[in-house]
Amino acid sequence: MDSFLDTIRRTEKDNSIALTRRYPPLLPFILVSRRFLRSMFYTFNPAFKLGTTNTSSWFHLTEHSSPLYRKYNKRELDEGKVANIKIAIKNLDGIVIPPGKTFSFWKYVGRPSTKRGFKNGLVISNGHLKEDTGGGLCQLSNLIAYMFACTECTFTERKHHSKDVFPDSNRAVPFASGATVFFNLIDLKVKNTYPFPLRINLRTTDTQLRGSITAPKPLGYFLKLEEQDSLFIKSLETKKLYRCNSLQRTFYEKNTKNIIKKEKLWTNVAEVMYDEGSISQIITPVDLRTN
């Protein structure tokens, strides 16, 4: 709990204002320059050079699915999101990541633009929902991040939302197990640390986004992403509510399902943006000035 409290203290004491919020006209120029530099880095860095393989047989390491339509969203925005996901999948499905190479979400999805057919969908900006071209791609990055978290790959860049926007509704995975993205400044990058290639497989059905990560050889064990230390903390000073947890990889023998080992992965702290009346879990009030 101490690590959660330290993070919350730093968050509440951080009164800095970004340069682009002080001087909004600078934002377009800064975004363009940073995105250009990132694009050059992805283009010329050999770590991001993916490939093909002659392997004809692939074995599942992990798979996952999530609903395409959610009760909190407008139908037309969900339909825009689905269209965006389908465009992105065309660039991601079947990608093979050789050993030692790094997958980048934005390198292969490319810039979401109306010229490429991307539609308006919901995005989260500073904890608030708004419409933007390419909105909804975070659902795809969340699914990919969750699947890689259920492998032994190393995340070289991954950021979760700093705000918890929606209350749980039939949640099938641990809180904050995905990754937010923002072209191409906030990326999802994962290094293949196996001695063999990995393949990303993605598709949609009428109602589901589905994916899997496969390998050219079966393993005698599998991994699960599991939640630990889940709690809600309320700051008595600011009255803000925070959702906290830590996530670990647990290795299981495939036949016996005995635990082989556990490996800590992430610690998450996010400010809750919905009414605390919808939270069934106990809320812990804390005076951050004395703890």
C-alpha atoms as a PDB file:
ATOM      1  CA  MET A   1       0.000   0.000   0.000  1.00  0.00           C
ATOM      2  CA  ASP A   2       2.921   2.350   0.683  1.00  0.00           C
ATOM      3  CA  SER A   3       3.877   2.448  -3.000  1.00  0.00           C
ATOM      4  CA  PHE A   4       0.309   3.399  -3.901  1.00  0.00           C
ATOM      5  CA  LEU A   5       0.309   6.216  -1.330  1.00  0.00           C
ATOM      6  CA  ASP A   6       3.639   7.543  -2.591  1.00  0.00           C
ATOM      7  CA  THR A   7       2.275   7.674  -6.142  1.00  0.00           C
ATOM      8  CA  ILE A   8      -0.889   9.456  -5.014  1.00  0.00           C
ATOM      9  CA  ARG A   9       1.135  12.005  -3.020  1.00  0.00           C
ATOM     10  CA  ARG A  10       3.271  12.794  -6.055  1.00  0.00           C
ATOM     11  CA  THR A  11       0.152  13.120  -8.200  1.00  0.00           C
ATOM     12  CA  GLU A  12      -1.564  15.524  -5.829  1.00  0.00           C
ATOM     13  CA  LYS A  13       1.552  17.647  -5.321  1.00  0.00           C
ATOM     14  CA  ASP A  14       2.257  17.950  -9.046  1.00  0.00           C
ATOM     15  CA  ASN A  15       0.999  21.417  -9.928  1.00  0.00           C
ATOM     16  CA  SER A  16       3.104  21.763 -13.053  1.00  0.00           C
ATOM     17  CA  ILE A  17       1.395  22.915 -16.222  1.00  0.00           C
ATOM     18  CA  ALA A  18       2.618  21.619 -19.567  1.00  0.00           C
ATOM     19  CA  LEU A  19       4.146  24.167 -21.935  1.00  0.00           C
ATOM     20  CA  THR A  20       1.487  23.446 -24.540  1.00  0.00           C
ATOM     21  CA  ARG A  21      -1.278  24.185 -22.028  1.00  0.00           C
ATOM     22  CA  ARG A  22       0.338  27.516 -21.191  1.00  0.00           C
ATOM     23  CA  TYR A  23       0.799  28.323 -24.870  1.00  0.00           C
ATOM     24  CA  PRO A  24      -1.773  26.296 -26.902  1.00  0.00           C
ATOM     25  CA  PRO A  25      -0.631  27.629 -30.328  1.00  0.00           C
ATOM     26  CA  LEU A  26       2.634  25.722 -29.837  1.00  0.00           C
ATOM     27  CA  LEU A  27       0.891  22.345 -29.644  1.00  0.00           C
ATOM     28  CA  PRO A  28       0.562  21.583 -33.408  1.00  0.00           C
ATOM     29  CA  PHE A  29       4.228  22.385 -34.066  1.00  0.00           C
ATOM     30  CA  ILE A  30       5.453  20.303 -31.127  1.00  0.00           C
ATOM     31  CA  LEU A  31       3.278  17.346 -32.096  1.00  0.00           C
ATOM     32  CA  VAL A  32       4.426  17.418 -35.728  1.00  0.00           C
ATOM     33  CA  SER A  33       8.111  17.595 -34.819  1.00  0.00           C
ATOM     34  CA  ARG A  34       7.935  14.860 -32.200  1.00  0.00           C
ATOM     35  CA  ARG A  35       5.926  12.586 -34.486  1.00  0.00           C
ATOM     36  CA  PHE A  36       8.404  13.093 -37.309  1.00  0.00           C
ATOM     37  CA  LEU A  37      11.325  12.154 -35.068  1.00  0.00           C
ATOM     38  CA  ARG A  38       9.480   9.062 -33.841  1.00  0.00           C
ATOM     39  CA  SER A  39       8.682   8.001 -37.407  1.00  0.00           C
ATOM     40  CA  MET A  40      12.346   8.289 -38.386  1.00  0.00           C
ATOM     41  CA  PHE A  41      13.356   6.277 -35.330  1.00  0.00           C
ATOM     42  CA  TYR A  42      10.950   3.459 -36.244  1.00  0.00           C
ATOM     43  CA  THR A  43      11.997   3.504 -39.889  1.00  0.00           C
ATOM     44  CA  PHE A  44      15.748   3.229 -39.395  1.00  0.00           C
ATOM     45  CA  ASN A  45      16.061   1.312 -36.124  1.00  0.00           C
ATOM     46  CA  PRO A  46      16.695  -2.378 -36.971  1.00  0.00           C
ATOM     47  CA  ALA A  47      15.023  -3.477 -33.720  1.00  0.00           C
ATOM     48  CA  PHE A  48      11.632  -2.807 -35.334  1.00  0.00           C
ATOM     49  CA  LYS A  49      12.297  -4.740 -38.531  1.00  0.00           C
ATOM     50  CA  LEU A  50       9.823  -7.599 -38.465  1.00  0.00           C
ATOM     51  CA  GLY A  51       9.731 -10.494 -40.866  1.00  0.00           C
ATOM     52  CA  THR A  52       8.166 -13.638 -42.223  1.00  0.00           C
ATOM     53  CA  THR A  53       8.726 -17.300 -41.484  1.00  0.00           C
ATOM     54  CA  ASN A  54       8.393 -20.594 -43.319  1.00  0.00           C
ATOM     55  CA  THR A  55       6.670 -22.127 -40.309  1.00  0.00           C
ATOM     56  CA  SER A  56       3.429 -23.818 -41.354  1.00  0.00           C
ATOM     57  CA  SER A  57       2.223 -24.905 -37.911  1.00  0.00           C
ATOM     58  CA  TRP A  58       1.475 -22.419 -35.122  1.00  0.00           C
ATOM     59  CA  PHE A  59       0.591 -23.200 -31.511  1.00  0.00           C
ATOM     60  CA  HIS A  60      -1.382 -20.928 -29.197  1.00  0.00           C
ATOM     61  CA  LEU A  61       0.493 -19.161 -26.422  1.00  0.00           C
ATOM     62  CA  THR A  62      -2.491 -17.038 -25.428  1.00  0.00           C
ATOM     63  CA  GLU A  63      -5.756 -15.654 -26.773  1.00  0.00           C
ATOM     64  CA  HIS A  64      -8.286 -13.039 -25.729  1.00  0.00           C
ATOM     65  CA  SER A  65     -11.507 -11.346 -26.842  1.00  0.00           C
ATOM     66  CA  SER A  66     -13.520  -8.254 -25.901  1.00  0.00           C
ATOM     67  CA  PRO A  67     -16.991  -6.930 -26.857  1.00  0.00           C
ATOM     68  CA  LEU A  68     -17.064  -4.374 -29.651  1.00  0.00           C
ATOM     69  CA  TYR A  69     -20.171  -2.588 -28.400  1.00  0.00           C
ATOM     70  CA  ARG A  70     -20.525  -1.164 -24.901  1.00  0.00           C
ATOM     71  CA  LYS A  71     -23.583   0.148 -23.119  1.00  0.00           C
ATOM     72  CA  TYR A  72     -21.907   3.444 -22.172  1.00  0.00           C
ATOM     73  CA  ASN A  73     -21.235   4.540 -25.763  1.00  0.00           C
ATOM     74  CA  LYS A  74     -23.357   6.002 -28.539  1.00  0.00           C
ATOM     75  CA  ARG A  75     -24.013   3.410 -31.224  1.00  0.00           C
ATOM     76  CA  GLU A  76     -22.613   5.592 -34.028  1.00  0.00           C
ATOM     77  CA  LEU A  77     -19.371   6.122 -32.111  1.00  0.00           C
ATOM     78  CA  ASP A  78     -19.059   2.399 -31.469  1.00  0.00           C
ATOM     79  CA  GLU A  79     -19.593   1.792 -35.191  1.00  0.00           C
ATOM     80  CA  GLY A  80     -16.842   4.322 -35.947  1.00  0.00           C
ATOM     81  CA  LYS A  81     -14.584   2.527 -33.470  1.00  0.00           C
ATOM     82  CA  VAL A  82     -15.267  -0.832 -35.100  1.00  0.00           C
ATOM     83  CA  ALA A  83     -14.434   0.605 -38.530  1.00  0.00           C
ATOM     84  CA  ASN A  84     -11.161   1.979 -37.132  1.00  0.00           C
ATOM     85  CA  ILE A  85     -10.250  -1.337 -35.536  1.00  0.00           C
ATOM     86  CA  LYS A  86     -10.880  -3.192 -38.795  1.00  0.00           C
ATOM     87  CA  ILE A  87      -8.535  -0.853 -40.700  1.00  0.00           C
ATOM     88  CA  ALA A  88      -5.832  -1.306 -38.055  1.00  0.00           C
ATOM     89  CA  ILE A  89      -6.242  -5.076 -38.072  1.00  0.00           C
ATOM     90  CA  LYS A  90      -5.446  -5.176 -41.797  1.00  0.00           C
ATOM     91  CA  ASN A  91      -1.991  -3.860 -40.909  1.00  0.00           C
ATOM     92  CA  LEU A  92      -1.442  -5.986 -37.807  1.00  0.00           C
ATOM     93  CA  ASP A  93      -2.986  -9.397 -38.433  1.00  0.00           C
ATOM     94  CA  GLY A  94      -0.347 -12.003 -39.255  1.00  0.00           C
ATOM     95  CA  ILE A  95       2.653  -9.901 -38.218  1.00  0.00           C
ATOM     96  CA  VAL A  96       5.610 -12.120 -37.303  1.00  0.00           C
ATOM     97  CA  ILE A  97       8.023 -10.849 -34.646  1.00  0.00           C
ATOM     98  CA  PRO A  98      11.454 -12.527 -34.905  1.00  0.00           C
ATOM     99  CA  PRO A  99      13.446 -13.281 -31.734  1.00  0.00           C
ATOM    100  CA  GLY A 100      14.963 -10.138 -30.261  1.00  0.00           C
ATOM    101  CA  LYS A 101      12.849  -7.789 -32.388  1.00  0.00           C
ATOM    102  CA  THR A 102      10.327  -5.264 -31.083  1.00  0.00           C
ATOM    103  CA  PHE A 103       6.671  -4.846 -32.035  1.00  0.00           C
ATOM    104  CA  SER A 104       5.394  -1.264 -32.240  1.00  0.00           C
ATOM    105  CA  PHE A 105       1.650  -0.609 -32.433  1.00  0.00           C
ATOM    106  CA  TRP A 106       1.955   2.697 -34.294  1.00  0.00           C
ATOM    107  CA  LYS A 107       4.724   1.659 -36.677  1.00  0.00           C
ATOM    108  CA  TYR A 108       2.357  -0.813 -38.298  1.00  0.00           C
ATOM    109  CA  VAL A 109      -1.044   0.809 -37.743  1.00  0.00           C
ATOM    110  CA  GLY A 110       0.138   4.127 -39.158  1.00  0.00           C
ATOM    111  CA  ARG A 111      -1.481   7.511 -38.681  1.00  0.00           C
ATOM    112  CA  PRO A 112      -5.276   7.437 -38.267  1.00  0.00           C
ATOM    113  CA  SER A 113      -6.647   9.866 -40.877  1.00  0.00           C
ATOM    114  CA  THR A 114      -9.880  10.381 -42.770  1.00  0.00           C
ATOM    115  CA  LYS A 115      -7.968   9.826 -46.031  1.00  0.00           C
ATOM    116  CA  ARG A 116      -7.251   6.281 -44.887  1.00  0.00           C
ATOM    117  CA  GLY A 117     -10.896   5.721 -43.975  1.00  0.00           C
ATOM    118  CA  PHE A 118     -10.686   6.226 -40.220  1.00  0.00           C
ATOM    119  CA  LYS A 119     -13.894   7.430 -38.549  1.00  0.00           C
ATOM    120  CA  ASN A 120     -14.748   9.391 -35.429  1.00  0.00           C
ATOM    121  CA  GLY A 121     -14.758   7.414 -32.197  1.00  0.00           C
ATOM    122  CA  LEU A 122     -14.371   7.992 -28.480  1.00  0.00           C
ATOM    123  CA  VAL A 123     -10.990   8.882 -27.029  1.00  0.00           C
ATOM    124  CA  ILE A 124      -9.973   9.701 -23.458  1.00  0.00           C
ATOM    125  CA  SER A 125      -8.053  12.954 -23.055  1.00  0.00           C
ATOM    126  CA  ASN A 126      -7.040  14.133 -19.573  1.00  0.00           C
ATOM    127  CA  GLY A 127      -9.717  11.877 -18.110  1.00  0.00           C
ATOM    128  CA  HIS A 128     -12.488  13.253 -20.320  1.00  0.00           C
ATOM    129  CA  LEU A 129     -14.275  11.582 -23.211  1.00  0.00           C
ATOM    130  CA  LYS A 130     -14.283  13.282 -26.583  1.00  0.00           C
ATOM    131  CA  GLU A 131     -14.654  12.386 -30.255  1.00  0.00           C
ATOM    132  CA  ASP A 132     -11.673  12.186 -32.580  1.00  0.00           C
ATOM    133  CA  THR A 133     -10.556  10.524 -35.800  1.00  0.00           C
ATOM    134  CA  GLY A 134      -9.337   7.019 -35.072  1.00  0.00           C
ATOM    135  CA  GLY A 135     -11.068   6.921 -31.700  1.00  0.00           C
ATOM    136  CA  GLY A 136     -11.480   3.488 -30.167  1.00  0.00           C
ATOM    137  CA  LEU A 137      -8.109   2.054 -31.172  1.00  0.00           C
ATOM    138  CA  CYS A 138      -7.250   1.777 -27.484  1.00  0.00           C
ATOM    139  CA  GLN A 139      -9.518  -1.259 -27.360  1.00  0.00           C
ATOM    140  CA  LEU A 140      -7.210  -2.932 -29.859  1.00  0.00           C
ATOM    141  CA  SER A 141      -4.038  -1.845 -28.043  1.00  0.00           C
ATOM    142  CA  ASN A 142      -5.587  -3.046 -24.763  1.00  0.00           C
ATOM    143  CA  LEU A 143      -6.240  -6.490 -26.213  1.00  0.00           C
ATOM    144  CA  ILE A 144      -2.737  -6.778 -27.681  1.00  0.00           C
ATOM    145  CA  ALA A 145      -1.113  -5.580 -24.452  1.00  0.00           C
ATOM    146  CA  TYR A 146      -3.116  -8.065 -22.393  1.00  0.00           C
ATOM    147  CA  MET A 147      -2.100 -10.941 -24.673  1.00  0.00           C
ATOM    148  CA  PHE A 148       1.588 -10.007 -24.516  1.00  0.00           C
ATOM    149  CA  ALA A 149       1.288  -9.720 -20.730  1.00  0.00           C
ATOM    150  CA  CYS A 150       0.329 -13.410 -20.789  1.00  0.00           C
ATOM    151  CA  THR A 151       3.658 -14.245 -22.463  1.00  0.00           C
ATOM    152  CA  GLU A 152       7.257 -13.796 -21.317  1.00  0.00           C
ATOM    153  CA  CYS A 153       7.860 -10.855 -23.658  1.00  0.00           C
ATOM    154  CA  THR A 154       9.282  -7.578 -22.327  1.00  0.00           C
ATOM    155  CA  PHE A 155       7.333  -4.318 -22.560  1.00  0.00           C
ATOM    156  CA  THR A 156       9.692  -1.533 -23.652  1.00  0.00           C
ATOM    157  CA  GLU A 157       6.911   1.070 -23.758  1.00  0.00           C
ATOM    158  CA  ARG A 158       3.481   0.801 -22.200  1.00  0.00           C
ATOM    159  CA  LYS A 159       1.240   3.335 -20.478  1.00  0.00           C
ATOM    160  CA  HIS A 160      -2.098   2.767 -18.801  1.00  0.00           C
ATOM    161  CA  HIS A 161      -4.786   5.427 -18.453  1.00  0.00           C
ATOM    162  CA  SER A 162      -4.215   7.727 -15.483  1.00  0.00           C
ATOM    163  CA  LYS A 163      -7.997   7.938 -15.052  1.00  0.00           C
ATOM    164  CA  ASP A 164     -10.526   5.182 -14.339  1.00  0.00           C
ATOM    165  CA  VAL A 165     -13.401   6.460 -16.492  1.00  0.00           C
ATOM    166  CA  PHE A 166     -15.995   3.668 -16.370  1.00  0.00           C
ATOM    167  CA  PRO A 167     -17.170   1.458 -13.485  1.00  0.00           C
ATOM    168  CA  ASP A 168     -16.709  -2.262 -13.942  1.00  0.00           C
ATOM    169  CA  SER A 169     -19.303  -3.966 -16.101  1.00  0.00           C
ATOM    170  CA  ASN A 170     -18.727  -7.691 -16.618  1.00  0.00           C
ATOM    171  CA  ARG A 171     -14.968  -7.125 -16.511  1.00  0.00           C
ATOM    172  CA  ALA A 172     -13.171 -10.260 -17.676  1.00  0.00           C
ATOM    173  CA  VAL A 173      -9.576  -9.105 -17.144  1.00  0.00           C
ATOM    174  CA  PRO A 174      -7.779  -7.362 -14.263  1.00  0.00           C
ATOM    175  CA  PHE A 175      -8.067  -3.583 -14.070  1.00  0.00           C
ATOM    176  CA  ALA A 176      -5.364  -1.633 -15.991  1.00  0.00           C
ATOM    177  CA  SER A 177      -4.027  -4.665 -17.826  1.00  0.00           C
ATOM    178  CA  GLY A 178      -4.070  -2.899 -21.200  1.00  0.00           C
ATOM    179  CA  ALA A 179      -2.270   0.043 -22.795  1.00  0.00           C
ATOM    180  CA  THR A 180      -3.407   3.445 -23.958  1.00  0.00           C
ATOM    181  CA  VAL A 181      -2.023   4.831 -27.238  1.00  0.00           C
ATOM    182  CA  PHE A 182      -1.853   8.236 -28.916  1.00  0.00           C
ATOM    183  CA  PHE A 183      -0.301   8.550 -32.373  1.00  0.00           C
ATOM    184  CA  ASN A 184       2.631   8.075 -32.273  1.00  0.00           C
ATOM    185  CA  LEU A 185       3.801   9.702 -29.080  1.00  0.00           C
ATOM    186  CA  ILE A 186       2.306   7.154 -26.706  1.00  0.00           C
ATOM    187  CA  ASP A 187       3.027   3.741 -28.151  1.00  0.00           C
ATOM    188  CA  LEU A 188       2.799   0.090 -27.195  1.00  0.00           C
ATOM    189  CA  LYS A 189       6.153  -1.566 -27.783  1.00  0.00           C
ATOM    190  CA  VAL A 190       6.974  -5.175 -26.875  1.00  0.00           C
ATOM    191  CA  LYS A 191      10.210  -7.109 -27.386  1.00  0.00           C
ATOM    192  CA  ASN A 192      10.092 -10.796 -28.303  1.00  0.00           C
ATOM    193  CA  THR A 193      12.393 -12.430 -25.755  1.00  0.00           C
ATOM    194  CA  TYR A 194      11.698 -16.003 -26.905  1.00  0.00           C
ATOM    195  CA  PRO A 195      14.280 -17.873 -29.041  1.00  0.00           C
ATOM    196  CA  PHE A 196      11.613 -18.335 -31.736  1.00  0.00           C
ATOM    197  CA  PRO A 197       9.267 -16.018 -33.683  1.00  0.00           C
ATOM    198  CA  LEU A 198       5.800 -14.985 -32.514  1.00  0.00           C
ATOM    199  CA  ARG A 199       2.780 -14.264 -34.658  1.00  0.00           C
ATOM    200  CA  ILE A 200      -0.083 -11.856 -33.885  1.00  0.00           C
ATOM    201  CA  ASN A 201      -3.516 -12.963 -35.079  1.00  0.00           C
ATOM    202  CA  LEU A 202      -6.475 -10.558 -34.996  1.00  0.00           C
ATOM    203  CA  ARG A 203     -10.047 -10.553 -36.291  1.00  0.00           C
ATOM    204  CA  THR A 204     -13.536  -9.276 -35.577  1.00  0.00           C
ATOM    205  CA  THR A 205     -16.909 -11.002 -35.472  1.00  0.00           C
ATOM    206  CA  ASP A 206     -20.282  -9.268 -35.420  1.00  0.00           C
ATOM    207  CA  THR A 207     -19.898  -8.579 -31.708  1.00  0.00           C
ATOM    208  CA  GLN A 208     -16.326  -9.402 -30.648  1.00  0.00           C
ATOM    209  CA  LEU A 209     -12.724  -8.359 -31.145  1.00  0.00           C
ATOM    210  CA  ARG A 210     -10.610 -11.499 -30.983  1.00  0.00           C
ATOM    211  CA  GLY A 211      -6.891 -12.125 -30.975  1.00  0.00           C
ATOM    212  CA  SER A 212      -4.190 -14.649 -30.240  1.00  0.00           C
ATOM    213  CA  ILE A 213      -0.421 -14.917 -30.103  1.00  0.00           C
ATOM    214  CA  THR A 214       1.024 -18.096 -31.569  1.00  0.00           C
ATOM    215  CA  ALA A 215       4.462 -19.733 -31.717  1.00  0.00           C
ATOM    216  CA  PRO A 216       6.004 -22.419 -33.970  1.00  0.00           C
ATOM    217  CA  LYS A 217       6.382 -24.790 -31.019  1.00  0.00           C
ATOM    218  CA  PRO A 218       4.170 -25.740 -28.067  1.00  0.00           C
ATOM    219  CA  LEU A 219       5.249 -24.957 -24.516  1.00  0.00           C
ATOM    220  CA  GLY A 220       4.768 -27.150 -21.464  1.00  0.00           C
ATOM    221  CA  TYR A 221       3.428 -24.239 -19.440  1.00  0.00           C
ATOM    222  CA  PHE A 222       1.146 -21.230 -19.769  1.00  0.00           C
ATOM    223  CA  LEU A 223       0.869 -17.789 -18.141  1.00  0.00           C
ATOM    224  CA  LYS A 224      -2.010 -15.896 -16.573  1.00  0.00           C
ATOM    225  CA  LEU A 225      -2.161 -12.231 -15.679  1.00  0.00           C
ATOM    226  CA  GLU A 226      -3.501 -11.960 -12.140  1.00  0.00           C
ATOM    227  CA  GLU A 227      -4.467  -9.032  -9.931  1.00  0.00           C
ATOM    228  CA  GLN A 228      -3.053  -8.401  -6.466  1.00  0.00           C
ATOM    229  CA  ASP A 229      -3.594  -5.693  -3.812  1.00  0.00           C
ATOM    230  CA  SER A 230      -6.765  -4.311  -5.384  1.00  0.00           C
ATOM    231  CA  LEU A 231      -8.158  -1.376  -3.390  1.00  0.00           C
ATOM    232  CA  PHE A 232      -9.767   2.059  -3.600  1.00  0.00           C
ATOM    233  CA  ILE A 233      -8.105   4.898  -1.687  1.00  0.00           C
ATOM    234  CA  LYS A 234      -9.817   8.223  -0.948  1.00  0.00           C
ATOM    235  CA  SER A 235      -7.703  11.264  -0.166  1.00  0.00           C
ATOM    236  CA  LEU A 236      -9.213  13.057   2.834  1.00  0.00           C
ATOM    237  CA  GLU A 237      -7.413  16.226   1.790  1.00  0.00           C
ATOM    238  CA  THR A 238      -8.604  16.533  -1.832  1.00  0.00           C
ATOM    239  CA  LYS A 239     -11.574  14.113  -1.665  1.00  0.00           C
ATOM    240  CA  LYS A 240     -10.259  12.445  -4.812  1.00  0.00           C
ATOM    241  CA  LEU A 241     -10.729   8.706  -5.190  1.00  0.00           C
ATOM    242  CA  TYR A 242      -8.028   6.434  -6.593  1.00  0.00           C
ATOM    243  CA  ARG A 243      -8.143   2.877  -7.848  1.00  0.00           C
ATOM    244  CA  CYS A 244      -4.986   0.884  -7.179  1.00  0.00           C
ATOM    245  CA  ASN A 245      -3.722  -2.587  -7.952  1.00  0.00           C
ATOM    246  CA  SER A 246      -0.676  -4.586  -8.942  1.00  0.00           C
ATOM    247  CA  LEU A 247      -0.492  -7.234 -11.628  1.00  0.00           C
ATOM    248  CA  GLN A 248       1.645 -10.337 -11.784  1.00  0.00           C
ATOM    249  CA  ARG A 249       2.357 -13.104 -14.256  1.00  0.00           C
ATOM    250  CA  THR A 250       1.744 -16.560 -12.851  1.00  0.00           C
ATOM    251  CA  PHE A 251       3.326 -19.541 -14.616  1.00  0.00           C
ATOM    252  CA  TYR A 252       1.358 -22.819 -14.602  1.00  0.00           C
ATOM    253  CA  GLU A 253       2.286 -26.307 -15.750  1.00  0.00           C
ATOM    254  CA  LYS A 254       0.045 -27.111 -18.698  1.00  0.00           C
ATOM    255  CA  ASN A 255      -0.948 -30.632 -17.635  1.00  0.00           C
ATOM    256  CA  THR A 256      -1.142 -30.346 -13.844  1.00  0.00           C
ATOM    257  CA  LYS A 257      -1.880 -26.596 -13.593  1.00  0.00           C
ATOM    258  CA  ASN A 258       0.563 -26.458 -10.702  1.00  0.00           C
ATOM    259  CA  ILE A 259       2.130 -23.039 -10.121  1.00  0.00           C
ATOM    260  CA  ILE A 260       5.736 -22.857 -11.337  1.00  0.00           C
ATOM    261  CA  LYS A 261       6.526 -19.281 -10.330  1.00  0.00           C
ATOM    262  CA  LYS A 262       5.129 -15.763 -10.013  1.00  0.00           C
ATOM    263  CA  GLU A 263       6.527 -12.600 -11.529  1.00  0.00           C
ATOM    264  CA  LYS A 264       5.469  -9.041 -10.665  1.00  0.00           C
ATOM    265  CA  LEU A 265       4.662  -7.004 -13.757  1.00  0.00           C
ATOM    266  CA  TRP A 266       2.935  -3.637 -13.138  1.00  0.00           C
ATOM    267  CA  THR A 267       1.650  -1.385 -10.384  1.00  0.00           C
ATOM    268  CA  ASN A 268      -1.271   0.902 -11.312  1.00  0.00           C
ATOM    269  CA  VAL A 269      -2.834   3.997  -9.750  1.00  0.00           C
ATOM    270  CA  ALA A 270      -5.703   5.797 -11.513  1.00  0.00           C
ATOM    271  CA  GLU A 271      -8.040   8.563 -10.403  1.00  0.00           C
ATOM    272  CA  VAL A 272     -11.679   7.431 -10.395  1.00  0.00           C
ATOM    273  CA  MET A 273     -13.927   9.624 -12.545  1.00  0.00           C
ATOM    274  CA  TYR A 274     -17.318   8.017 -11.810  1.00  0.00           C
ATOM    275  CA  ASP A 275     -19.611   8.124  -8.789  1.00  0.00           C
ATOM    276  CA  GLU A 276     -18.291   6.103  -5.858  1.00  0.00           C
ATOM    277  CA  GLY A 277     -21.820   4.804  -5.242  1.00  0.00           C
ATOM    278  CA  SER A 278     -21.253   2.337  -8.092  1.00  0.00           C
ATOM    279  CA  ILE A 279     -18.265   0.791  -6.292  1.00  0.00           C
ATOM    280  CA  SER A 280     -19.023  -2.373  -4.349  1.00  0.00           C
ATOM    281  CA  GLN A 281     -15.505  -2.671  -2.912  1.00  0.00           C
ATOM    282  CA  ILE A 282     -14.567  -1.066   0.427  1.00  0.00           C
ATOM    283  CA  ILE A 283     -13.097   2.426   0.053  1.00  0.00           C
ATOM    284  CA  THR A 284     -10.143   3.219   2.328  1.00  0.00           C
ATOM    285  CA  PRO A 285      -9.949   6.875   3.469  1.00  0.00           C
ATOM    286  CA  VAL A 286      -6.390   8.094   3.981  1.00  0.00           C
ATOM    287  CA  ASP A 287      -4.942  11.340   5.301  1.00  0.00           C
ATOM    288  CA  LEU A 288      -1.947  11.645   2.991  1.00  0.00           C
ATOM    289  CA  ARG A 289      -0.397  14.356   5.148  1.00  0.00           C
ATOM    290  CA  THR A 290       0.164  11.976   8.048  1.00  0.00           C
ATOM    291  CA  ASN A 291       0.733   8.615   6.352  1.00  0.00           C
END
